Amino acid sequence: MPATDTLETVRQIMEDVLNIDDLSISPETTAKDVKGWDSLRHVRLVMTIERKFKIKFKNSEIEGLMNVGDLVRAIDAKLA
C-alpha cells in the first residue's frame, strides 16, 4: 500500500477513534497537535489500526512512534 494510502486510512481511523470530523494530519502530526488524543485514545487508536491492517505492534515499537509519519512507516514496513 503506498504511504499516501496508508496515511489516508490512518486519518480516517483517527477521525473515528478521536471523534473528529474533517481531521487534517500530516506525517509531522503528533498527539500534542490533535485535541482529544490522550493516552487512552492512543491505545484504542493502536488497537484499531492493528485490526484494520491485520498487523501487531510490539510495545517497544509503539514507544518509538513520535509522529504520524513514524506510524505510517511502521505500518508499511509490517505490510511489506
PDB file of N, CA and C in Angstrom:
ATOM      1  N   MET A   1       0.853  -1.176   0.000  1.00  0.00           N
ATOM      2  CA  MET A   1       0.000   0.000   0.000  1.00  0.00           C
ATOM      3  C   MET A   1       0.901   1.242   0.000  1.00  0.00           C
ATOM      4  N   PRO A   2       0.695   2.155  -0.914  1.00  0.00           N
ATOM      5  CA  PRO A   2       1.501   3.382  -0.917  1.00  0.00           C
ATOM      6  C   PRO A   2       1.301   4.182   0.373  1.00  0.00           C
ATOM      7  N   ALA A   3       2.352   4.889   0.789  1.00  0.00           N
ATOM      8  CA  ALA A   3       2.310   5.642   2.047  1.00  0.00           C
ATOM      9  C   ALA A   3       1.148   6.634   2.071  1.00  0.00           C
ATOM     10  N   THR A   4       0.810   7.218   0.919  1.00  0.00           N
ATOM     11  CA  THR A   4      -0.302   8.175   0.891  1.00  0.00           C
ATOM     12  C   THR A   4      -1.617   7.484   1.212  1.00  0.00           C
ATOM     13  N   ASP A   5      -1.789   6.252   0.726  1.00  0.00           N
ATOM     14  CA  ASP A   5      -2.994   5.477   1.048  1.00  0.00           C
ATOM     15  C   ASP A   5      -3.015   5.114   2.526  1.00  0.00           C
ATOM     16  N   THR A   6      -1.861   4.729   3.059  1.00  0.00           N
ATOM     17  CA  THR A   6      -1.781   4.387   4.476  1.00  0.00           C
ATOM     18  C   THR A   6      -2.098   5.609   5.327  1.00  0.00           C
ATOM     19  N   LEU A   7      -1.545   6.760   4.966  1.00  0.00           N
ATOM     20  CA  LEU A   7      -1.813   7.994   5.702  1.00  0.00           C
ATOM     21  C   LEU A   7      -3.300   8.323   5.697  1.00  0.00           C
ATOM     22  N   GLU A   8      -3.943   8.161   4.558  1.00  0.00           N
ATOM     23  CA  GLU A   8      -5.380   8.453   4.461  1.00  0.00           C
ATOM     24  C   GLU A   8      -6.185   7.475   5.314  1.00  0.00           C
ATOM     25  N   THR A   9      -5.827   6.215   5.310  1.00  0.00           N
ATOM     26  CA  THR A   9      -6.527   5.232   6.134  1.00  0.00           C
ATOM     27  C   THR A   9      -6.337   5.545   7.612  1.00  0.00           C
ATOM     28  N   VAL A  10      -5.114   5.909   7.997  1.00  0.00           N
ATOM     29  CA  VAL A  10      -4.844   6.293   9.385  1.00  0.00           C
ATOM     30  C   VAL A  10      -5.669   7.530   9.748  1.00  0.00           C
ATOM     31  N   ARG A  11      -5.764   8.490   8.858  1.00  0.00           N
ATOM     32  CA  ARG A  11      -6.550   9.696   9.111  1.00  0.00           C
ATOM     33  C   ARG A  11      -8.012   9.337   9.365  1.00  0.00           C
ATOM     34  N   GLN A  12      -8.557   8.446   8.547  1.00  0.00           N
ATOM     35  CA  GLN A  12      -9.950   8.029   8.707  1.00  0.00           C
ATOM     36  C   GLN A  12     -10.156   7.314  10.050  1.00  0.00           C
ATOM     37  N   ILE A  13      -9.212   6.469  10.421  1.00  0.00           N
ATOM     38  CA  ILE A  13      -9.292   5.769  11.704  1.00  0.00           C
ATOM     39  C   ILE A  13      -9.220   6.781  12.848  1.00  0.00           C
ATOM     40  N   MET A  14      -8.327   7.751  12.721  1.00  0.00           N
ATOM     41  CA  MET A  14      -8.193   8.774  13.759  1.00  0.00           C
ATOM     42  C   MET A  14      -9.474   9.584  13.902  1.00  0.00           C
ATOM     43  N   GLU A  15     -10.091   9.926  12.783  1.00  0.00           N
ATOM     44  CA  GLU A  15     -11.362  10.651  12.842  1.00  0.00           C
ATOM     45  C   GLU A  15     -12.390   9.868  13.656  1.00  0.00           C
ATOM     46  N   ASP A  16     -12.460   8.575  13.413  1.00  0.00           N
ATOM     47  CA  ASP A  16     -13.432   7.728  14.109  1.00  0.00           C
ATOM     48  C   ASP A  16     -13.086   7.587  15.588  1.00  0.00           C
ATOM     49  N   VAL A  17     -11.842   7.220  15.882  1.00  0.00           N
ATOM     50  CA  VAL A  17     -11.437   6.964  17.262  1.00  0.00           C
ATOM     51  C   VAL A  17     -11.458   8.242  18.100  1.00  0.00           C
ATOM     52  N   LEU A  18     -11.012   9.340  17.512  1.00  0.00           N
ATOM     53  CA  LEU A  18     -10.937  10.600  18.252  1.00  0.00           C
ATOM     54  C   LEU A  18     -12.218  11.424  18.139  1.00  0.00           C
ATOM     55  N   ASN A  19     -13.156  10.928  17.340  1.00  0.00           N
ATOM     56  CA  ASN A  19     -14.444  11.586  17.143  1.00  0.00           C
ATOM     57  C   ASN A  19     -14.273  13.030  16.655  1.00  0.00           C
ATOM     58  N   ILE A  20     -13.484  13.171  15.574  1.00  0.00           N
ATOM     59  CA  ILE A  20     -13.213  14.480  14.974  1.00  0.00           C
ATOM     60  C   ILE A  20     -13.581  14.408  13.497  1.00  0.00           C
ATOM     61  N   ASP A  21     -14.441  15.315  13.058  1.00  0.00           N
ATOM     62  CA  ASP A  21     -14.802  15.385  11.644  1.00  0.00           C
ATOM     63  C   ASP A  21     -13.757  16.188  10.886  1.00  0.00           C
ATOM     64  N   ASP A  22     -13.466  15.785   9.667  1.00  0.00           N
ATOM     65  CA  ASP A  22     -12.548  16.502   8.775  1.00  0.00           C
ATOM     66  C   ASP A  22     -11.192  16.766   9.417  1.00  0.00           C
ATOM     67  N   LEU A  23     -10.621  15.751  10.037  1.00  0.00           N
ATOM     68  CA  LEU A  23      -9.310  15.862  10.661  1.00  0.00           C
ATOM     69  C   LEU A  23      -8.244  16.049   9.591  1.00  0.00           C
ATOM     70  N   SER A  24      -7.392  17.007   9.794  1.00  0.00           N
ATOM     71  CA  SER A  24      -6.279  17.257   8.887  1.00  0.00           C
ATOM     72  C   SER A  24      -4.989  16.859   9.593  1.00  0.00           C
ATOM     73  N   ILE A  25      -4.250  15.905   8.997  1.00  0.00           N
ATOM     74  CA  ILE A  25      -2.987  15.470   9.587  1.00  0.00           C
ATOM     75  C   ILE A  25      -1.910  15.462   8.508  1.00  0.00           C
ATOM     76  N   SER A  26      -0.674  15.429   8.957  1.00  0.00           N
ATOM     77  CA  SER A  26       0.481  15.280   8.072  1.00  0.00           C
ATOM     78  C   SER A  26       1.428  14.287   8.744  1.00  0.00           C
ATOM     79  N   PRO A  27       2.466  13.870   8.057  1.00  0.00           N
ATOM     80  CA  PRO A  27       3.429  12.965   8.700  1.00  0.00           C
ATOM     81  C   PRO A  27       4.052  13.557   9.969  1.00  0.00           C
ATOM     82  N   GLU A  28       4.076  14.867  10.082  1.00  0.00           N
ATOM     83  CA  GLU A  28       4.687  15.521  11.240  1.00  0.00           C
ATOM     84  C   GLU A  28       3.726  15.665  12.425  1.00  0.00           C
ATOM     85  N   THR A  29       2.457  15.342  12.245  1.00  0.00           N
ATOM     86  CA  THR A  29       1.460  15.496  13.297  1.00  0.00           C
ATOM     87  C   THR A  29       1.792  14.607  14.494  1.00  0.00           C
ATOM     88  N   THR A  30       1.681  15.181  15.700  1.00  0.00           N
ATOM     89  CA  THR A  30       1.878  14.434  16.944  1.00  0.00           C
ATOM     90  C   THR A  30       0.596  14.481  17.770  1.00  0.00           C
ATOM     91  N   ALA A  31       0.571  13.711  18.842  1.00  0.00           N
ATOM     92  CA  ALA A  31      -0.600  13.700  19.716  1.00  0.00           C
ATOM     93  C   ALA A  31      -0.860  15.089  20.297  1.00  0.00           C
ATOM     94  N   LYS A  32       0.173  15.853  20.522  1.00  0.00           N
ATOM     95  CA  LYS A  32       0.011  17.208  21.069  1.00  0.00           C
ATOM     96  C   LYS A  32      -0.730  18.126  20.101  1.00  0.00           C
ATOM     97  N   ASP A  33      -0.703  17.794  18.818  1.00  0.00           N
ATOM     98  CA  ASP A  33      -1.333  18.623  17.788  1.00  0.00           C
ATOM     99  C   ASP A  33      -2.829  18.357  17.630  1.00  0.00           C
ATOM    100  N   VAL A  34      -3.320  17.262  18.206  1.00  0.00           N
ATOM    101  CA  VAL A  34      -4.704  16.839  17.976  1.00  0.00           C
ATOM    102  C   VAL A  34      -5.467  16.822  19.294  1.00  0.00           C
ATOM    103  N   LYS A  35      -6.487  17.661  19.367  1.00  0.00           N
ATOM    104  CA  LYS A  35      -7.311  17.739  20.575  1.00  0.00           C
ATOM    105  C   LYS A  35      -7.987  16.384  20.823  1.00  0.00           C
ATOM    106  N   GLY A  36      -7.902  15.922  22.047  1.00  0.00           N
ATOM    107  CA  GLY A  36      -8.550  14.671  22.412  1.00  0.00           C
ATOM    108  C   GLY A  36      -7.688  13.431  22.246  1.00  0.00           C
ATOM    109  N   TRP A  37      -6.473  13.589  21.708  1.00  0.00           N
ATOM    110  CA  TRP A  37      -5.591  12.433  21.526  1.00  0.00           C
ATOM    111  C   TRP A  37      -4.811  12.236  22.822  1.00  0.00           C
ATOM    112  N   ASP A  38      -5.440  11.563  23.770  1.00  0.00           N
ATOM    113  CA  ASP A  38      -4.815  11.287  25.058  1.00  0.00           C
ATOM    114  C   ASP A  38      -4.333   9.836  25.094  1.00  0.00           C
ATOM    115  N   SER A  39      -3.786   9.430  26.233  1.00  0.00           N
ATOM    116  CA  SER A  39      -3.198   8.097  26.325  1.00  0.00           C
ATOM    117  C   SER A  39      -4.227   6.987  26.136  1.00  0.00           C
ATOM    118  N   LEU A  40      -5.427   7.182  26.649  1.00  0.00           N
ATOM    119  CA  LEU A  40      -6.467   6.168  26.499  1.00  0.00           C
ATOM    120  C   LEU A  40      -6.890   6.013  25.037  1.00  0.00           C
ATOM    121  N   ARG A  41      -7.082   7.120  24.380  1.00  0.00           N
ATOM    122  CA  ARG A  41      -7.458   7.052  22.958  1.00  0.00           C
ATOM    123  C   ARG A  41      -6.294   6.573  22.105  1.00  0.00           C
ATOM    124  N   HIS A  42      -5.076   6.804  22.571  1.00  0.00           N
ATOM    125  CA  HIS A  42      -3.911   6.310  21.841  1.00  0.00           C
ATOM    126  C   HIS A  42      -3.928   4.785  21.798  1.00  0.00           C
ATOM    127  N   VAL A  43      -4.241   4.176  22.927  1.00  0.00           N
ATOM    128  CA  VAL A  43      -4.327   2.715  22.989  1.00  0.00           C
ATOM    129  C   VAL A  43      -5.414   2.226  22.039  1.00  0.00           C
ATOM    130  N   ARG A  44      -6.566   2.868  22.070  1.00  0.00           N
ATOM    131  CA  ARG A  44      -7.669   2.476  21.180  1.00  0.00           C
ATOM    132  C   ARG A  44      -7.295   2.677  19.710  1.00  0.00           C
ATOM    133  N   LEU A  45      -6.573   3.755  19.435  1.00  0.00           N
ATOM    134  CA  LEU A  45      -6.119   4.038  18.076  1.00  0.00           C
ATOM    135  C   LEU A  45      -5.191   2.928  17.573  1.00  0.00           C
ATOM    136  N   VAL A  46      -4.227   2.548  18.386  1.00  0.00           N
ATOM    137  CA  VAL A  46      -3.286   1.487  18.002  1.00  0.00           C
ATOM    138  C   VAL A  46      -4.031   0.167  17.789  1.00  0.00           C
ATOM    139  N   MET A  47      -4.939  -0.159  18.689  1.00  0.00           N
ATOM    140  CA  MET A  47      -5.693  -1.413  18.551  1.00  0.00           C
ATOM    141  C   MET A  47      -6.536  -1.412  17.270  1.00  0.00           C
ATOM    142  N   THR A  48      -7.150  -0.294  16.961  1.00  0.00           N
ATOM    143  CA  THR A  48      -7.976  -0.193  15.755  1.00  0.00           C
ATOM    144  C   THR A  48      -7.116  -0.314  14.507  1.00  0.00           C
ATOM    145  N   ILE A  49      -5.950   0.316  14.527  1.00  0.00           N
ATOM    146  CA  ILE A  49      -5.023   0.220  13.383  1.00  0.00           C
ATOM    147  C   ILE A  49      -4.552  -1.218  13.210  1.00  0.00           C
ATOM    148  N   GLU A  50      -4.228  -1.881  14.308  1.00  0.00           N
ATOM    149  CA  GLU A  50      -3.787  -3.279  14.219  1.00  0.00           C
ATOM    150  C   GLU A  50      -4.876  -4.158  13.600  1.00  0.00           C
ATOM    151  N   ARG A  51      -6.115  -3.945  14.004  1.00  0.00           N
ATOM    152  CA  ARG A  51      -7.222  -4.734  13.436  1.00  0.00           C
ATOM    153  C   ARG A  51      -7.419  -4.430  11.955  1.00  0.00           C
ATOM    154  N   LYS A  52      -7.418  -3.147  11.603  1.00  0.00           N
ATOM    155  CA  LYS A  52      -7.676  -2.738  10.219  1.00  0.00           C
ATOM    156  C   LYS A  52      -6.618  -3.292   9.262  1.00  0.00           C
ATOM    157  N   PHE A  53      -5.356  -3.193   9.658  1.00  0.00           N
ATOM    158  CA  PHE A  53      -4.260  -3.615   8.776  1.00  0.00           C
ATOM    159  C   PHE A  53      -3.841  -5.068   9.003  1.00  0.00           C
ATOM    160  N   LYS A  54      -4.462  -5.719  10.015  1.00  0.00           N
ATOM    161  CA  LYS A  54      -4.128  -7.117  10.348  1.00  0.00           C
ATOM    162  C   LYS A  54      -2.635  -7.262  10.659  1.00  0.00           C
ATOM    163  N   ILE A  55      -2.157  -6.372  11.550  1.00  0.00           N
ATOM    164  CA  ILE A  55      -0.767  -6.382  11.999  1.00  0.00           C
ATOM    165  C   ILE A  55      -0.754  -6.318  13.519  1.00  0.00           C
ATOM    166  N   LYS A  56       0.414  -6.500  14.115  1.00  0.00           N
ATOM    167  CA  LYS A  56       0.567  -6.405  15.560  1.00  0.00           C
ATOM    168  C   LYS A  56       1.864  -5.676  15.858  1.00  0.00           C
ATOM    169  N   PHE A  57       1.786  -4.670  16.731  1.00  0.00           N
ATOM    170  CA  PHE A  57       2.963  -3.924  17.156  1.00  0.00           C
ATOM    171  C   PHE A  57       3.453  -4.449  18.501  1.00  0.00           C
ATOM    172  N   LYS A  58       4.770  -4.472  18.676  1.00  0.00           N
ATOM    173  CA  LYS A  58       5.362  -4.740  19.985  1.00  0.00           C
ATOM    174  C   LYS A  58       5.311  -3.437  20.775  1.00  0.00           C
ATOM    175  N   ASN A  59       5.306  -3.536  22.090  1.00  0.00           N
ATOM    176  CA  ASN A  59       5.309  -2.335  22.914  1.00  0.00           C
ATOM    177  C   ASN A  59       6.478  -1.421  22.579  1.00  0.00           C
ATOM    178  N   SER A  60       7.646  -2.006  22.340  1.00  0.00           N
ATOM    179  CA  SER A  60       8.826  -1.197  22.021  1.00  0.00           C
ATOM    180  C   SER A  60       8.643  -0.433  20.706  1.00  0.00           C
ATOM    181  N   GLU A  61       7.916  -1.017  19.764  1.00  0.00           N
ATOM    182  CA  GLU A  61       7.645  -0.323  18.505  1.00  0.00           C
ATOM    183  C   GLU A  61       6.710   0.861  18.732  1.00  0.00           C
ATOM    184  N   ILE A  62       5.701   0.662  19.550  1.00  0.00           N
ATOM    185  CA  ILE A  62       4.735   1.720  19.833  1.00  0.00           C
ATOM    186  C   ILE A  62       5.434   2.883  20.538  1.00  0.00           C
ATOM    187  N   GLU A  63       6.304   2.570  21.480  1.00  0.00           N
ATOM    188  CA  GLU A  63       7.021   3.604  22.224  1.00  0.00           C
ATOM    189  C   GLU A  63       7.915   4.443  21.319  1.00  0.00           C
ATOM    190  N   GLY A  64       8.364   3.874  20.211  1.00  0.00           N
ATOM    191  CA  GLY A  64       9.249   4.575  19.290  1.00  0.00           C
ATOM    192  C   GLY A  64       8.537   5.468  18.286  1.00  0.00           C
ATOM    193  N   LEU A  65       7.212   5.447  18.284  1.00  0.00           N
ATOM    194  CA  LEU A  65       6.443   6.256  17.340  1.00  0.00           C
ATOM    195  C   LEU A  65       6.318   7.677  17.866  1.00  0.00           C
ATOM    196  N   MET A  66       6.930   8.622  17.167  1.00  0.00           N
ATOM    197  CA  MET A  66       6.930  10.009  17.626  1.00  0.00           C
ATOM    198  C   MET A  66       5.910  10.888  16.908  1.00  0.00           C
ATOM    199  N   ASN A  67       5.468  10.441  15.729  1.00  0.00           N
ATOM    200  CA  ASN A  67       4.503  11.234  14.962  1.00  0.00           C
ATOM    201  C   ASN A  67       3.750  10.313  14.004  1.00  0.00           C
ATOM    202  N   VAL A  68       2.820  10.868  13.278  1.00  0.00           N
ATOM    203  CA  VAL A  68       2.003  10.082  12.348  1.00  0.00           C
ATOM    204  C   VAL A  68       2.878   9.455  11.256  1.00  0.00           C
ATOM    205  N   GLY A  69       3.892  10.173  10.812  1.00  0.00           N
ATOM    206  CA  GLY A  69       4.792   9.632   9.787  1.00  0.00           C
ATOM    207  C   GLY A  69       5.479   8.361  10.254  1.00  0.00           C
ATOM    208  N   ASP A  70       5.928   8.350  11.521  1.00  0.00           N
ATOM    209  CA  ASP A  70       6.536   7.135  12.076  1.00  0.00           C
ATOM    210  C   ASP A  70       5.534   5.989  12.071  1.00  0.00           C
ATOM    211  N   LEU A  71       4.300   6.293  12.415  1.00  0.00           N
ATOM    212  CA  LEU A  71       3.246   5.279  12.436  1.00  0.00           C
ATOM    213  C   LEU A  71       2.998   4.716  11.040  1.00  0.00           C
ATOM    214  N   VAL A  72       2.896   5.594  10.056  1.00  0.00           N
ATOM    215  CA  VAL A  72       2.661   5.161   8.670  1.00  0.00           C
ATOM    216  C   VAL A  72       3.823   4.292   8.189  1.00  0.00           C
ATOM    217  N   ARG A  73       5.064   4.698   8.470  1.00  0.00           N
ATOM    218  CA  ARG A  73       6.228   3.903   8.058  1.00  0.00           C
ATOM    219  C   ARG A  73       6.231   2.535   8.747  1.00  0.00           C
ATOM    220  N   ALA A  74       5.850   2.496  10.024  1.00  0.00           N
ATOM    221  CA  ALA A  74       5.804   1.229  10.749  1.00  0.00           C
ATOM    222  C   ALA A  74       4.746   0.301  10.166  1.00  0.00           C
ATOM    223  N   ILE A  75       3.596   0.855   9.830  1.00  0.00           N
ATOM    224  CA  ILE A  75       2.528   0.063   9.199  1.00  0.00           C
ATOM    225  C   ILE A  75       3.006  -0.494   7.866  1.00  0.00           C
ATOM    226  N   ASP A  76       3.564   0.380   7.034  1.00  0.00           N
ATOM    227  CA  ASP A  76       4.030  -0.050   5.707  1.00  0.00           C
ATOM    228  C   ASP A  76       5.128  -1.100   5.803  1.00  0.00           C
ATOM    229  N   ALA A  77       6.009  -0.972   6.795  1.00  0.00           N
ATOM    230  CA  ALA A  77       7.074  -1.966   6.980  1.00  0.00           C
ATOM    231  C   ALA A  77       6.486  -3.319   7.337  1.00  0.00           C
ATOM    232  N   LYS A  78       5.470  -3.337   8.166  1.00  0.00           N
ATOM    233  CA  LYS A  78       4.847  -4.605   8.547  1.00  0.00           C
ATOM    234  C   LYS A  78       4.063  -5.223   7.382  1.00  0.00           C
ATOM    235  N   LEU A  79       3.553  -4.387   6.508  1.00  0.00           N
ATOM    236  CA  LEU A  79       2.788  -4.895   5.369  1.00  0.00           C
ATOM    237  C   LEU A  79       3.688  -5.357   4.222  1.00  0.00           C
ATOM    238  N   ALA A  80       4.944  -4.945   4.247  1.00  0.00           N
ATOM    239  CA  ALA A  80       5.875  -5.273   3.147  1.00  0.00           C
ATOM    240  C   ALA A  80       6.259  -6.735   3.155  1.00  0.00           C
TER     241      ALA A  80
END
